[in-house]
Amino acid sequence: MFKMAIISVAAAVVGIHSAGFFVGSEKKQSFISRVTLEEHCDLEGNAFAVENLSTGEVRPFKYGEAFIRAKSADWLKVVLNTDFNHVYFDGEKIRAGKQVKIVQNCSPETTLDSIFDSFNDTFSTN
């Protein structure tokens, strides 16, 4: 009877663990994220910074890299350096990791709307 109780408890612990109840502990640990920026913009690389959207912490890029404290559940976003606080820039957003790479393109994307607008301008009878 005692062996059956121990086996039942062990099975319950394995079931609870596989259901994810003990998994959340690693998301709470913070780490220093090494963020590499590959930018295709007319601005210099040191004009950019990375912001942790959960904490609001901002770290500038130096030589294409920045180091910022984060957790696995945090999101990181490319922003302009704090020296340019009167300019709005909507940069790329990525989930935090110990080592991440962000590719930032500043040229406008070709969208389906812009393609149809171009067709209308080219082939319109007006």
N, C-alpha and C. Protein backbone atom coordinates (compact mmCIF):
# COMPACT_ATOMS: atom_id res chain seq x y z
N MET A 1 0.82 -1.19 0.00
CA MET A 1 0.00 0.00 0.00
C MET A 1 0.87 1.26 0.00
N PHE A 2 1.95 1.23 0.78
CA PHE A 2 2.85 2.38 0.87
C PHE A 2 3.55 2.63 -0.48
N LYS A 3 3.93 1.54 -1.18
CA LYS A 3 4.57 1.67 -2.48
C LYS A 3 3.62 2.31 -3.49
N MET A 4 2.36 1.94 -3.40
CA MET A 4 1.37 2.49 -4.32
C MET A 4 1.18 3.99 -4.08
N ALA A 5 1.23 4.42 -2.83
CA ALA A 5 1.10 5.84 -2.51
C ALA A 5 2.29 6.63 -3.05
N ILE A 6 3.49 6.09 -2.91
CA ILE A 6 4.70 6.77 -3.40
C ILE A 6 4.66 6.86 -4.93
N ILE A 7 4.24 5.80 -5.58
CA ILE A 7 4.15 5.80 -7.04
C ILE A 7 3.10 6.82 -7.50
N SER A 8 1.99 6.92 -6.78
CA SER A 8 0.94 7.88 -7.12
C SER A 8 1.43 9.31 -6.97
N VAL A 9 2.17 9.59 -5.89
CA VAL A 9 2.71 10.93 -5.67
C VAL A 9 3.72 11.27 -6.77
N ALA A 10 4.59 10.32 -7.10
CA ALA A 10 5.58 10.55 -8.16
C ALA A 10 4.89 10.82 -9.50
N ALA A 11 3.85 10.07 -9.80
CA ALA A 11 3.12 10.28 -11.05
C ALA A 11 2.44 11.65 -11.05
N ALA A 12 1.91 12.07 -9.90
CA ALA A 12 1.27 13.37 -9.81
C ALA A 12 2.28 14.50 -10.02
N VAL A 13 3.48 14.36 -9.45
CA VAL A 13 4.52 15.39 -9.62
C VAL A 13 4.94 15.47 -11.08
N VAL A 14 5.11 14.32 -11.72
CA VAL A 14 5.47 14.32 -13.15
C VAL A 14 4.36 14.96 -13.97
N GLY A 15 3.12 14.67 -13.65
CA GLY A 15 1.99 15.27 -14.37
C GLY A 15 1.91 16.76 -14.18
N ILE A 16 2.14 17.23 -12.96
CA ILE A 16 2.11 18.67 -12.70
C ILE A 16 3.24 19.36 -13.44
N HIS A 17 4.42 18.75 -13.44
CA HIS A 17 5.55 19.35 -14.14
C HIS A 17 5.30 19.41 -15.64
N SER A 18 4.74 18.34 -16.21
CA SER A 18 4.49 18.34 -17.66
C SER A 18 3.37 19.29 -18.04
N ALA A 19 2.50 19.63 -17.10
CA ALA A 19 1.44 20.60 -17.37
C ALA A 19 1.96 22.03 -17.37
N GLY A 20 3.19 22.24 -16.90
CA GLY A 20 3.80 23.55 -16.97
C GLY A 20 3.74 24.37 -15.70
N PHE A 21 3.39 23.77 -14.58
CA PHE A 21 3.30 24.55 -13.35
C PHE A 21 4.67 24.98 -12.83
N PHE A 22 5.71 24.23 -13.12
CA PHE A 22 7.04 24.57 -12.63
C PHE A 22 7.88 25.28 -13.69
N VAL A 23 7.31 25.54 -14.85
CA VAL A 23 8.07 26.10 -15.96
C VAL A 23 8.27 27.60 -15.82
N GLY A 24 7.38 28.32 -15.19
CA GLY A 24 7.44 29.77 -15.13
C GLY A 24 8.61 30.34 -14.38
N SER A 25 9.33 29.54 -13.62
CA SER A 25 10.41 30.08 -12.81
C SER A 25 11.56 30.63 -13.65
N GLU A 26 11.85 30.03 -14.83
CA GLU A 26 12.97 30.54 -15.61
C GLU A 26 12.64 31.84 -16.31
N LYS A 27 11.36 32.16 -16.51
CA LYS A 27 10.98 33.42 -17.14
C LYS A 27 11.19 34.60 -16.19
N LYS A 28 11.26 34.35 -14.91
CA LYS A 28 11.40 35.43 -13.94
C LYS A 28 12.84 35.84 -13.74
N GLN A 29 13.79 35.04 -14.20
CA GLN A 29 15.20 35.36 -14.01
C GLN A 29 15.63 36.35 -15.08
N SER A 30 16.31 37.41 -14.65
CA SER A 30 16.79 38.39 -15.61
C SER A 30 18.20 38.04 -16.06
N PHE A 31 18.56 38.57 -17.21
CA PHE A 31 19.87 38.33 -17.79
C PHE A 31 20.26 39.57 -18.58
N ILE A 32 21.50 39.63 -18.98
CA ILE A 32 21.97 40.72 -19.83
C ILE A 32 21.85 40.25 -21.28
N SER A 33 21.04 40.94 -22.05
CA SER A 33 20.82 40.58 -23.45
C SER A 33 21.82 41.34 -24.32
N ARG A 34 22.51 40.61 -25.18
CA ARG A 34 23.43 41.21 -26.15
C ARG A 34 22.66 41.39 -27.45
N VAL A 35 22.38 42.65 -27.79
CA VAL A 35 21.56 42.97 -28.95
C VAL A 35 22.46 43.51 -30.06
N THR A 36 22.44 42.84 -31.20
CA THR A 36 23.21 43.28 -32.36
C THR A 36 22.25 43.93 -33.35
N LEU A 37 22.63 45.11 -33.85
CA LEU A 37 21.78 45.86 -34.78
C LEU A 37 22.40 45.83 -36.17
N GLU A 38 21.61 45.36 -37.13
CA GLU A 38 21.98 45.48 -38.54
C GLU A 38 21.01 46.48 -39.14
N GLU A 39 21.48 47.68 -39.41
CA GLU A 39 20.58 48.73 -39.88
C GLU A 39 20.87 49.10 -41.32
N HIS A 40 19.78 49.35 -42.05
CA HIS A 40 19.85 49.79 -43.44
C HIS A 40 19.16 51.14 -43.51
N CYS A 41 19.82 52.14 -42.93
CA CYS A 41 19.25 53.48 -42.81
C CYS A 41 20.30 54.51 -43.21
N ASP A 42 19.84 55.74 -43.42
CA ASP A 42 20.77 56.83 -43.73
C ASP A 42 21.39 57.41 -42.46
N LEU A 43 20.94 56.98 -41.30
CA LEU A 43 21.49 57.47 -40.03
C LEU A 43 22.68 56.63 -39.62
N GLU A 44 23.53 57.20 -38.79
CA GLU A 44 24.64 56.44 -38.23
C GLU A 44 24.11 55.46 -37.20
N GLY A 45 24.84 54.38 -36.98
CA GLY A 45 24.42 53.35 -36.04
C GLY A 45 24.30 53.83 -34.61
N ASN A 46 25.12 54.83 -34.21
CA ASN A 46 25.04 55.32 -32.84
C ASN A 46 23.84 56.24 -32.61
N ALA A 47 23.04 56.49 -33.64
CA ALA A 47 21.81 57.26 -33.48
C ALA A 47 20.69 56.40 -32.92
N PHE A 48 20.90 55.10 -32.86
CA PHE A 48 19.87 54.17 -32.39
C PHE A 48 20.16 53.68 -30.99
N ALA A 49 19.11 53.19 -30.34
CA ALA A 49 19.21 52.59 -29.01
C ALA A 49 18.21 51.45 -28.95
N VAL A 50 18.30 50.65 -27.90
CA VAL A 50 17.35 49.57 -27.69
C VAL A 50 16.61 49.86 -26.39
N GLU A 51 15.29 49.64 -26.40
CA GLU A 51 14.46 49.88 -25.21
C GLU A 51 13.81 48.58 -24.79
N ASN A 52 13.86 48.30 -23.49
CA ASN A 52 13.11 47.19 -22.92
C ASN A 52 11.71 47.73 -22.66
N LEU A 53 10.71 47.24 -23.38
CA LEU A 53 9.36 47.78 -23.27
C LEU A 53 8.71 47.49 -21.92
N SER A 54 9.19 46.49 -21.20
CA SER A 54 8.62 46.17 -19.89
C SER A 54 9.14 47.11 -18.81
N THR A 55 10.43 47.44 -18.87
CA THR A 55 11.04 48.25 -17.81
C THR A 55 11.24 49.71 -18.21
N GLY A 56 11.23 50.00 -19.51
CA GLY A 56 11.48 51.35 -19.98
C GLY A 56 12.96 51.71 -20.07
N GLU A 57 13.83 50.77 -19.73
CA GLU A 57 15.28 51.02 -19.79
C GLU A 57 15.72 51.16 -21.25
N VAL A 58 16.58 52.15 -21.51
CA VAL A 58 17.08 52.42 -22.86
C VAL A 58 18.60 52.37 -22.82
N ARG A 59 19.19 51.63 -23.77
CA ARG A 59 20.65 51.52 -23.89
C ARG A 59 21.04 51.83 -25.33
N PRO A 60 21.99 52.74 -25.53
CA PRO A 60 22.41 53.09 -26.90
C PRO A 60 23.27 52.00 -27.53
N PHE A 61 23.24 51.95 -28.85
CA PHE A 61 24.11 51.03 -29.59
C PHE A 61 25.48 51.68 -29.75
N LYS A 62 26.51 50.91 -29.52
CA LYS A 62 27.88 51.34 -29.77
C LYS A 62 28.54 50.27 -30.62
N TYR A 63 29.01 50.67 -31.79
CA TYR A 63 29.63 49.74 -32.74
C TYR A 63 28.67 48.60 -33.10
N GLY A 64 27.37 48.93 -33.19
CA GLY A 64 26.38 47.95 -33.63
C GLY A 64 25.88 47.00 -32.56
N GLU A 65 26.28 47.21 -31.29
CA GLU A 65 25.83 46.33 -30.20
C GLU A 65 25.38 47.15 -29.00
N ALA A 66 24.44 46.57 -28.27
CA ALA A 66 23.98 47.16 -27.01
C ALA A 66 23.73 46.02 -26.03
N PHE A 67 23.90 46.32 -24.76
CA PHE A 67 23.67 45.34 -23.70
C PHE A 67 22.61 45.90 -22.77
N ILE A 68 21.54 45.11 -22.54
CA ILE A 68 20.42 45.59 -21.73
C ILE A 68 19.89 44.44 -20.87
N ARG A 69 19.48 44.78 -19.65
CA ARG A 69 18.92 43.78 -18.75
C ARG A 69 17.50 43.45 -19.20
N ALA A 70 17.17 42.15 -19.24
CA ALA A 70 15.86 41.72 -19.72
C ALA A 70 15.50 40.38 -19.10
N LYS A 71 14.24 39.99 -19.29
CA LYS A 71 13.73 38.67 -18.94
C LYS A 71 13.21 38.03 -20.22
N SER A 72 13.01 36.73 -20.20
CA SER A 72 12.57 36.02 -21.41
C SER A 72 11.22 36.50 -21.92
N ALA A 73 10.37 37.01 -21.03
CA ALA A 73 9.04 37.46 -21.43
C ALA A 73 9.04 38.90 -21.94
N ASP A 74 10.17 39.60 -21.86
CA ASP A 74 10.24 41.01 -22.26
C ASP A 74 10.35 41.16 -23.78
N TRP A 75 9.93 42.34 -24.25
CA TRP A 75 10.09 42.71 -25.65
C TRP A 75 11.10 43.84 -25.73
N LEU A 76 11.97 43.78 -26.73
CA LEU A 76 12.96 44.82 -26.97
C LEU A 76 12.60 45.53 -28.27
N LYS A 77 12.83 46.86 -28.31
CA LYS A 77 12.46 47.64 -29.48
C LYS A 77 13.57 48.61 -29.83
N VAL A 78 13.81 48.78 -31.13
CA VAL A 78 14.78 49.76 -31.59
C VAL A 78 14.13 51.14 -31.52
N VAL A 79 14.80 52.08 -30.86
CA VAL A 79 14.34 53.46 -30.75
C VAL A 79 15.51 54.36 -31.13
N LEU A 80 15.24 55.65 -31.23
CA LEU A 80 16.33 56.59 -31.44
C LEU A 80 17.02 56.85 -30.12
N ASN A 81 18.29 57.18 -30.19
CA ASN A 81 19.07 57.51 -29.01
C ASN A 81 18.37 58.64 -28.24
N THR A 82 18.55 58.68 -26.95
CA THR A 82 17.88 59.68 -26.11
C THR A 82 18.31 61.10 -26.45
N ASP A 83 19.39 61.27 -27.21
CA ASP A 83 19.79 62.60 -27.67
C ASP A 83 18.78 63.19 -28.64
N PHE A 84 17.97 62.34 -29.26
CA PHE A 84 16.97 62.77 -30.24
C PHE A 84 15.57 62.57 -29.67
N ASN A 85 15.28 63.19 -28.54
CA ASN A 85 14.01 62.92 -27.85
C ASN A 85 12.80 63.61 -28.48
N HIS A 86 12.99 64.53 -29.42
CA HIS A 86 11.85 65.21 -30.05
C HIS A 86 11.45 64.57 -31.38
N VAL A 87 12.08 63.46 -31.72
CA VAL A 87 11.81 62.78 -32.99
C VAL A 87 11.19 61.42 -32.68
N TYR A 88 10.12 61.07 -33.41
CA TYR A 88 9.47 59.78 -33.22
C TYR A 88 10.02 58.80 -34.25
N PHE A 89 10.31 57.60 -33.80
CA PHE A 89 10.81 56.54 -34.68
C PHE A 89 10.18 55.24 -34.24
N ASP A 90 9.52 54.54 -35.16
CA ASP A 90 8.86 53.28 -34.85
C ASP A 90 9.74 52.14 -35.34
N GLY A 91 10.59 51.64 -34.46
CA GLY A 91 11.56 50.62 -34.84
C GLY A 91 11.04 49.20 -34.68
N GLU A 92 11.88 48.26 -35.07
CA GLU A 92 11.55 46.83 -34.98
C GLU A 92 11.45 46.39 -33.53
N LYS A 93 10.59 45.40 -33.29
CA LYS A 93 10.36 44.85 -31.95
C LYS A 93 10.67 43.36 -32.00
N ILE A 94 11.32 42.85 -30.94
CA ILE A 94 11.71 41.44 -30.90
C ILE A 94 11.66 40.95 -29.46
N ARG A 95 11.38 39.66 -29.29
CA ARG A 95 11.37 39.04 -27.95
C ARG A 95 12.80 38.98 -27.43
N ALA A 96 12.98 39.26 -26.15
CA ALA A 96 14.31 39.28 -25.54
C ALA A 96 14.91 37.89 -25.48
N GLY A 97 16.20 37.83 -25.64
CA GLY A 97 16.96 36.60 -25.53
C GLY A 97 18.37 36.96 -25.07
N LYS A 98 19.16 35.96 -24.74
CA LYS A 98 20.52 36.25 -24.28
C LYS A 98 21.36 36.87 -25.37
N GLN A 99 21.10 36.51 -26.62
CA GLN A 99 21.81 37.10 -27.75
C GLN A 99 20.82 37.18 -28.91
N VAL A 100 20.47 38.41 -29.32
CA VAL A 100 19.50 38.60 -30.39
C VAL A 100 20.08 39.55 -31.45
N LYS A 101 19.55 39.43 -32.65
CA LYS A 101 19.94 40.30 -33.76
C LYS A 101 18.69 40.95 -34.30
N ILE A 102 18.74 42.27 -34.46
CA ILE A 102 17.61 43.01 -34.99
C ILE A 102 18.04 43.63 -36.32
N VAL A 103 17.23 43.44 -37.35
CA VAL A 103 17.48 44.06 -38.65
C VAL A 103 16.49 45.22 -38.78
N GLN A 104 17.02 46.44 -38.93
CA GLN A 104 16.19 47.64 -39.01
C GLN A 104 16.30 48.23 -40.41
N ASN A 105 15.19 48.27 -41.13
CA ASN A 105 15.12 48.91 -42.44
C ASN A 105 14.37 50.22 -42.30
N CYS A 106 14.92 51.30 -42.81
CA CYS A 106 14.27 52.60 -42.70
C CYS A 106 13.54 52.99 -43.98
N SER A 107 13.74 52.28 -45.07
CA SER A 107 13.05 52.60 -46.31
C SER A 107 11.61 52.12 -46.21
N PRO A 108 10.68 52.85 -46.85
CA PRO A 108 9.27 52.42 -46.78
C PRO A 108 9.08 51.10 -47.51
N GLU A 109 8.25 50.27 -46.94
CA GLU A 109 7.97 48.96 -47.53
C GLU A 109 7.03 49.11 -48.72
N THR A 110 7.17 48.22 -49.66
CA THR A 110 6.24 48.16 -50.77
C THR A 110 5.04 47.34 -50.31
N THR A 111 3.90 47.99 -50.23
CA THR A 111 2.69 47.31 -49.78
C THR A 111 1.76 47.10 -50.97
N LEU A 112 0.78 46.28 -50.77
CA LEU A 112 -0.20 46.02 -51.83
C LEU A 112 -0.94 47.31 -52.19
N ASP A 113 -1.24 48.15 -51.20
CA ASP A 113 -1.91 49.42 -51.48
C ASP A 113 -1.05 50.31 -52.36
N SER A 114 0.26 50.37 -52.07
CA SER A 114 1.12 51.24 -52.88
C SER A 114 1.26 50.71 -54.30
N ILE A 115 1.21 49.39 -54.48
CA ILE A 115 1.27 48.81 -55.82
C ILE A 115 0.01 49.17 -56.61
N PHE A 116 -1.17 49.04 -55.99
CA PHE A 116 -2.41 49.39 -56.68
C PHE A 116 -2.50 50.89 -56.94
N ASP A 117 -2.01 51.71 -56.03
CA ASP A 117 -1.98 53.16 -56.27
C ASP A 117 -1.10 53.48 -57.47
N SER A 118 0.02 52.78 -57.57
CA SER A 118 0.91 52.99 -58.72
C SER A 118 0.23 52.57 -60.02
N PHE A 119 -0.49 51.43 -60.00
CA PHE A 119 -1.24 51.00 -61.18
C PHE A 119 -2.29 52.04 -61.56
N ASN A 120 -3.01 52.55 -60.58
CA ASN A 120 -4.04 53.55 -60.85
C ASN A 120 -3.43 54.81 -61.45
N ASP A 121 -2.29 55.24 -60.93
CA ASP A 121 -1.64 56.44 -61.47
C ASP A 121 -1.16 56.20 -62.90
N THR A 122 -0.67 55.01 -63.17
CA THR A 122 -0.10 54.71 -64.48
C THR A 122 -1.18 54.51 -65.54
N PHE A 123 -2.23 53.78 -65.21
CA PHE A 123 -3.21 53.37 -66.21
C PHE A 123 -4.54 54.12 -66.11
N SER A 124 -4.62 55.16 -65.32
CA SER A 124 -5.89 55.88 -65.22
C SER A 124 -6.12 56.70 -66.49
N THR A 125 -7.38 56.93 -66.83
CA THR A 125 -7.72 57.67 -68.05
C THR A 125 -7.90 59.15 -67.78
N ASN A 126 -7.76 59.59 -66.58
CA ASN A 126 -7.95 61.02 -66.25
C ASN A 126 -6.77 61.83 -66.66
